[in-house]
């Protein structure tokens, strides 16, 4: 199974920057707790309310790794209050990137 590096950007549709900052810790903790996710990191751009989730995920193919990564992002978003049936009103997916790490990077990820 290969390891893939994923980056997922999400826009938080919140009323204020204070609301945005208050969910950051919840999101970061929830992402770190997700099974199958390694080297999880979360970055935030407060003025634009964009959250960038980064992680390494194992998968047989890119599509499988992306699916696992998106499940982890959704799990974190649910933990931060995006768990209603209409979660898209609160968060909007912007982009997803999947990269196959070099052999040297893959060894570090698996270590």
N, C-alpha and C. Protein backbone atom coordinates (compact mmCIF):
# COMPACT_ATOMS: atom_id res chain seq x y z
N UNK A 1 0.84 -1.17 0.00
CA UNK A 1 0.00 0.00 0.00
C UNK A 1 0.89 1.24 0.00
N UNK A 2 0.57 2.22 -0.82
CA UNK A 2 1.34 3.46 -0.92
C UNK A 2 0.85 4.48 0.09
N UNK A 3 1.71 5.43 0.38
CA UNK A 3 1.32 6.58 1.19
C UNK A 3 1.16 7.78 0.27
N UNK A 4 0.14 8.57 0.54
CA UNK A 4 -0.14 9.76 -0.25
C UNK A 4 -0.23 10.96 0.68
N UNK A 5 0.21 12.10 0.19
CA UNK A 5 0.09 13.34 0.94
C UNK A 5 -1.13 14.08 0.40
N UNK A 6 -2.04 14.45 1.29
CA UNK A 6 -3.26 15.13 0.88
C UNK A 6 -3.32 16.53 1.47
N UNK A 7 -3.88 17.43 0.69
CA UNK A 7 -4.15 18.78 1.15
C UNK A 7 -5.58 19.11 0.75
N UNK A 8 -6.38 19.51 1.72
CA UNK A 8 -7.78 19.83 1.47
C UNK A 8 -8.05 21.22 2.03
N UNK A 9 -8.53 22.12 1.19
CA UNK A 9 -8.85 23.48 1.62
C UNK A 9 -10.36 23.62 1.74
N UNK A 10 -10.78 24.25 2.83
CA UNK A 10 -12.20 24.41 3.14
C UNK A 10 -12.43 25.85 3.58
N UNK A 11 -13.51 26.44 3.09
CA UNK A 11 -13.91 27.77 3.56
C UNK A 11 -14.97 27.61 4.65
N UNK A 12 -14.73 28.22 5.80
CA UNK A 12 -15.70 28.19 6.89
C UNK A 12 -16.62 29.40 6.74
N UNK A 13 -17.89 29.14 6.62
CA UNK A 13 -18.88 30.22 6.47
C UNK A 13 -19.43 30.57 7.84
N UNK A 14 -18.70 31.38 8.56
CA UNK A 14 -19.06 31.75 9.93
C UNK A 14 -19.29 33.24 10.02
N UNK A 15 -19.98 33.64 11.06
CA UNK A 15 -20.35 35.04 11.24
C UNK A 15 -19.15 35.95 11.49
N UNK A 16 -18.18 35.47 12.27
CA UNK A 16 -17.10 36.37 12.68
C UNK A 16 -15.76 35.64 12.72
N UNK A 17 -14.70 36.43 12.78
CA UNK A 17 -13.36 35.86 12.94
C UNK A 17 -13.22 35.18 14.29
N UNK A 18 -13.93 35.68 15.31
CA UNK A 18 -13.88 35.04 16.63
C UNK A 18 -14.46 33.63 16.56
N UNK A 19 -15.57 33.46 15.83
CA UNK A 19 -16.15 32.14 15.64
C UNK A 19 -15.17 31.22 14.93
N UNK A 20 -14.51 31.77 13.91
CA UNK A 20 -13.54 31.00 13.13
C UNK A 20 -12.39 30.55 14.01
N UNK A 21 -11.85 31.45 14.80
CA UNK A 21 -10.73 31.11 15.68
C UNK A 21 -11.13 30.11 16.75
N UNK A 22 -12.38 30.18 17.21
CA UNK A 22 -12.81 29.28 18.29
C UNK A 22 -12.94 27.83 17.84
N UNK A 23 -13.18 27.59 16.54
CA UNK A 23 -13.32 26.20 16.08
C UNK A 23 -11.98 25.57 15.71
N UNK A 24 -10.94 26.38 15.60
CA UNK A 24 -9.66 25.88 15.12
C UNK A 24 -9.12 24.73 15.98
N UNK A 25 -9.08 24.90 17.29
CA UNK A 25 -8.56 23.86 18.19
C UNK A 25 -9.38 22.58 18.09
N UNK A 26 -10.69 22.72 18.02
CA UNK A 26 -11.55 21.54 17.90
C UNK A 26 -11.25 20.78 16.62
N UNK A 27 -11.08 21.51 15.51
CA UNK A 27 -10.77 20.89 14.23
C UNK A 27 -9.42 20.19 14.27
N UNK A 28 -8.41 20.87 14.80
CA UNK A 28 -7.06 20.30 14.85
C UNK A 28 -7.03 19.04 15.69
N UNK A 29 -7.69 19.07 16.84
CA UNK A 29 -7.72 17.89 17.72
C UNK A 29 -8.46 16.73 17.05
N UNK A 30 -9.59 17.02 16.43
CA UNK A 30 -10.38 15.97 15.78
C UNK A 30 -9.61 15.35 14.61
N UNK A 31 -8.91 16.17 13.84
CA UNK A 31 -8.12 15.65 12.73
C UNK A 31 -7.01 14.74 13.24
N UNK A 32 -6.34 15.15 14.30
CA UNK A 32 -5.24 14.36 14.86
C UNK A 32 -5.73 13.01 15.40
N UNK A 33 -7.00 12.96 15.82
CA UNK A 33 -7.57 11.73 16.39
C UNK A 33 -8.11 10.75 15.34
N UNK A 34 -8.14 11.15 14.09
CA UNK A 34 -8.71 10.29 13.04
C UNK A 34 -7.81 9.09 12.76
N UNK A 35 -8.42 7.92 12.65
CA UNK A 35 -7.69 6.70 12.31
C UNK A 35 -7.20 6.77 10.87
N UNK A 36 -6.02 6.22 10.64
CA UNK A 36 -5.49 6.11 9.30
C UNK A 36 -4.85 7.38 8.75
N UNK A 37 -4.78 8.41 9.58
CA UNK A 37 -4.19 9.69 9.18
C UNK A 37 -2.88 9.87 9.93
N UNK A 38 -1.83 10.18 9.18
CA UNK A 38 -0.51 10.40 9.79
C UNK A 38 -0.06 11.82 9.48
N UNK A 39 0.77 12.38 10.34
CA UNK A 39 1.36 13.70 10.12
C UNK A 39 0.30 14.75 9.83
N UNK A 40 -0.80 14.71 10.58
CA UNK A 40 -1.90 15.65 10.36
C UNK A 40 -1.51 17.06 10.79
N UNK A 41 -1.95 18.03 10.00
CA UNK A 41 -1.67 19.42 10.30
C UNK A 41 -2.85 20.25 9.79
N UNK A 42 -3.10 21.35 10.48
CA UNK A 42 -4.18 22.25 10.08
C UNK A 42 -3.65 23.67 10.10
N UNK A 43 -3.90 24.40 9.04
CA UNK A 43 -3.51 25.81 8.96
C UNK A 43 -4.76 26.63 8.71
N UNK A 44 -4.73 27.87 9.18
CA UNK A 44 -5.89 28.74 9.02
C UNK A 44 -5.47 30.11 8.50
N UNK A 45 -6.26 30.63 7.58
CA UNK A 45 -6.12 32.00 7.13
C UNK A 45 -7.35 32.74 7.64
N UNK A 46 -7.18 33.46 8.75
CA UNK A 46 -8.31 34.08 9.43
C UNK A 46 -9.07 35.09 8.57
N UNK A 47 -8.41 35.98 7.86
CA UNK A 47 -9.19 36.96 7.07
C UNK A 47 -10.12 36.33 6.03
N UNK A 48 -9.67 35.26 5.38
CA UNK A 48 -10.50 34.63 4.35
C UNK A 48 -11.32 33.45 4.87
N UNK A 49 -11.09 33.08 6.13
CA UNK A 49 -11.78 31.93 6.76
C UNK A 49 -11.51 30.62 6.03
N UNK A 50 -10.30 30.48 5.49
CA UNK A 50 -9.93 29.25 4.79
C UNK A 50 -9.09 28.37 5.71
N UNK A 51 -9.49 27.12 5.82
CA UNK A 51 -8.78 26.11 6.60
C UNK A 51 -8.10 25.16 5.62
N UNK A 52 -6.84 24.85 5.86
CA UNK A 52 -6.12 23.91 5.00
C UNK A 52 -5.70 22.71 5.84
N UNK A 53 -6.29 21.57 5.54
CA UNK A 53 -5.99 20.31 6.20
C UNK A 53 -4.89 19.62 5.41
N UNK A 54 -3.83 19.17 6.08
CA UNK A 54 -2.79 18.38 5.43
C UNK A 54 -2.59 17.10 6.20
N UNK A 55 -2.34 16.01 5.47
CA UNK A 55 -2.16 14.72 6.13
C UNK A 55 -1.53 13.73 5.16
N UNK A 56 -0.98 12.68 5.71
CA UNK A 56 -0.50 11.55 4.93
C UNK A 56 -1.47 10.40 5.18
N UNK A 57 -1.86 9.73 4.09
CA UNK A 57 -2.84 8.66 4.17
C UNK A 57 -2.36 7.50 3.32
N UNK A 58 -2.52 6.28 3.82
CA UNK A 58 -2.16 5.09 3.05
C UNK A 58 -3.35 4.67 2.21
N UNK A 59 -3.05 4.15 1.02
CA UNK A 59 -4.12 3.67 0.15
C UNK A 59 -3.53 2.89 -1.01
N UNK A 60 -4.32 2.00 -1.55
CA UNK A 60 -3.89 1.23 -2.71
C UNK A 60 -3.81 2.08 -3.96
N UNK A 61 -4.71 3.06 -4.05
CA UNK A 61 -4.75 3.98 -5.19
C UNK A 61 -5.01 5.39 -4.67
N UNK A 62 -4.78 6.38 -5.53
CA UNK A 62 -5.00 7.78 -5.14
C UNK A 62 -6.44 8.01 -4.70
N UNK A 63 -7.39 7.44 -5.43
CA UNK A 63 -8.81 7.65 -5.12
C UNK A 63 -9.13 7.12 -3.72
N UNK A 64 -8.57 5.99 -3.36
CA UNK A 64 -8.80 5.41 -2.03
C UNK A 64 -8.21 6.30 -0.95
N UNK A 65 -7.01 6.81 -1.17
CA UNK A 65 -6.37 7.71 -0.21
C UNK A 65 -7.16 9.00 -0.07
N UNK A 66 -7.63 9.54 -1.19
CA UNK A 66 -8.42 10.77 -1.14
C UNK A 66 -9.71 10.55 -0.37
N UNK A 67 -10.36 9.42 -0.60
CA UNK A 67 -11.60 9.12 0.13
C UNK A 67 -11.34 9.07 1.63
N UNK A 68 -10.27 8.41 2.04
CA UNK A 68 -9.94 8.33 3.47
C UNK A 68 -9.64 9.71 4.04
N UNK A 69 -8.93 10.51 3.26
CA UNK A 69 -8.61 11.86 3.71
C UNK A 69 -9.85 12.73 3.86
N UNK A 70 -10.77 12.62 2.89
CA UNK A 70 -12.00 13.40 2.97
C UNK A 70 -12.88 12.96 4.13
N UNK A 71 -12.86 11.68 4.44
CA UNK A 71 -13.59 11.19 5.62
C UNK A 71 -13.00 11.83 6.88
N UNK A 72 -11.69 11.93 6.96
CA UNK A 72 -11.05 12.55 8.12
C UNK A 72 -11.43 14.03 8.22
N UNK A 73 -11.45 14.72 7.09
CA UNK A 73 -11.83 16.15 7.10
C UNK A 73 -13.28 16.29 7.53
N UNK A 74 -14.17 15.48 6.99
CA UNK A 74 -15.58 15.54 7.39
C UNK A 74 -15.76 15.23 8.86
N UNK A 75 -14.99 14.26 9.38
CA UNK A 75 -15.06 13.93 10.80
C UNK A 75 -14.68 15.14 11.64
N UNK A 76 -13.61 15.83 11.26
CA UNK A 76 -13.17 17.02 11.99
C UNK A 76 -14.23 18.13 11.89
N UNK A 77 -14.79 18.33 10.70
CA UNK A 77 -15.82 19.36 10.53
C UNK A 77 -17.06 19.06 11.37
N UNK A 78 -17.42 17.80 11.44
CA UNK A 78 -18.57 17.42 12.28
C UNK A 78 -18.29 17.74 13.74
N UNK A 79 -17.07 17.49 14.19
CA UNK A 79 -16.70 17.77 15.58
C UNK A 79 -16.78 19.26 15.89
N UNK A 80 -16.65 20.09 14.87
CA UNK A 80 -16.67 21.55 15.06
C UNK A 80 -18.05 22.15 14.76
N UNK A 81 -19.07 21.32 14.70
CA UNK A 81 -20.42 21.84 14.53
C UNK A 81 -20.97 21.73 13.14
N UNK A 82 -20.27 21.11 12.22
CA UNK A 82 -20.77 20.96 10.87
C UNK A 82 -21.46 19.62 10.69
N UNK A 83 -22.13 19.13 11.73
CA UNK A 83 -22.69 17.78 11.66
C UNK A 83 -24.17 17.75 11.29
N UNK A 84 -24.74 18.89 10.99
CA UNK A 84 -26.13 18.88 10.60
C UNK A 84 -26.28 18.32 9.19
N UNK A 85 -27.51 18.02 8.84
CA UNK A 85 -27.76 17.50 7.49
C UNK A 85 -27.35 18.51 6.42
N UNK A 86 -27.32 19.76 6.76
CA UNK A 86 -26.96 20.81 5.81
C UNK A 86 -25.59 21.41 6.15
N UNK A 87 -24.62 20.54 6.39
CA UNK A 87 -23.29 21.01 6.82
C UNK A 87 -22.65 21.93 5.79
N UNK A 88 -23.03 21.80 4.51
CA UNK A 88 -22.45 22.62 3.46
C UNK A 88 -22.77 24.10 3.63
N UNK A 89 -23.79 24.43 4.43
CA UNK A 89 -24.09 25.83 4.70
C UNK A 89 -23.00 26.46 5.56
N UNK A 90 -22.27 25.63 6.32
CA UNK A 90 -21.25 26.13 7.24
C UNK A 90 -19.84 26.00 6.68
N UNK A 91 -19.62 25.02 5.83
CA UNK A 91 -18.29 24.77 5.27
C UNK A 91 -18.41 24.48 3.78
N UNK A 92 -17.48 25.03 2.99
CA UNK A 92 -17.48 24.80 1.55
C UNK A 92 -16.12 24.28 1.12
N UNK A 93 -16.11 23.11 0.47
CA UNK A 93 -14.87 22.55 -0.04
C UNK A 93 -14.34 23.42 -1.16
N UNK A 94 -13.04 23.74 -1.11
CA UNK A 94 -12.43 24.56 -2.13
C UNK A 94 -11.58 23.75 -3.09
N UNK A 95 -10.71 22.88 -2.54
CA UNK A 95 -9.85 22.08 -3.41
C UNK A 95 -9.30 20.88 -2.62
N UNK A 96 -8.93 19.85 -3.38
CA UNK A 96 -8.26 18.68 -2.83
C UNK A 96 -7.06 18.38 -3.70
N UNK A 97 -5.93 18.10 -3.06
CA UNK A 97 -4.71 17.76 -3.77
C UNK A 97 -4.16 16.46 -3.21
N UNK A 98 -3.78 15.55 -4.10
CA UNK A 98 -3.18 14.28 -3.70
C UNK A 98 -1.80 14.20 -4.35
N UNK A 99 -0.77 13.97 -3.55
CA UNK A 99 0.58 13.84 -4.07
C UNK A 99 1.16 12.50 -3.66
N UNK A 100 1.88 11.88 -4.57
CA UNK A 100 2.60 10.66 -4.25
C UNK A 100 3.98 11.09 -3.78
N UNK A 101 4.33 10.82 -2.52
CA UNK A 101 5.64 11.24 -2.05
C UNK A 101 6.76 10.48 -2.75
N UNK A 102 7.91 11.11 -2.78
CA UNK A 102 9.10 10.42 -3.33
C UNK A 102 9.40 9.21 -2.46
N UNK A 103 10.24 8.31 -2.94
CA UNK A 103 10.60 7.12 -2.17
C UNK A 103 11.18 7.48 -0.81
N UNK A 104 12.00 8.51 -0.77
CA UNK A 104 12.62 8.93 0.49
C UNK A 104 11.55 9.46 1.46
N UNK A 105 10.61 10.26 0.97
CA UNK A 105 9.56 10.77 1.81
C UNK A 105 8.65 9.64 2.29
N UNK A 106 8.38 8.67 1.44
CA UNK A 106 7.53 7.55 1.81
C UNK A 106 8.15 6.75 2.95
N UNK A 107 9.47 6.60 2.95
CA UNK A 107 10.15 5.90 4.04
C UNK A 107 9.97 6.64 5.36
N UNK A 108 10.03 7.97 5.33
CA UNK A 108 9.86 8.77 6.54
C UNK A 108 8.44 8.68 7.06
N UNK A 109 7.47 8.67 6.15
CA UNK A 109 6.06 8.59 6.54
C UNK A 109 5.77 7.26 7.23
N UNK A 110 6.34 6.17 6.71
CA UNK A 110 6.06 4.85 7.24
C UNK A 110 6.84 4.55 8.51
N UNK A 111 7.86 5.34 8.82
CA UNK A 111 8.68 5.10 10.00
C UNK A 111 7.95 5.43 11.27
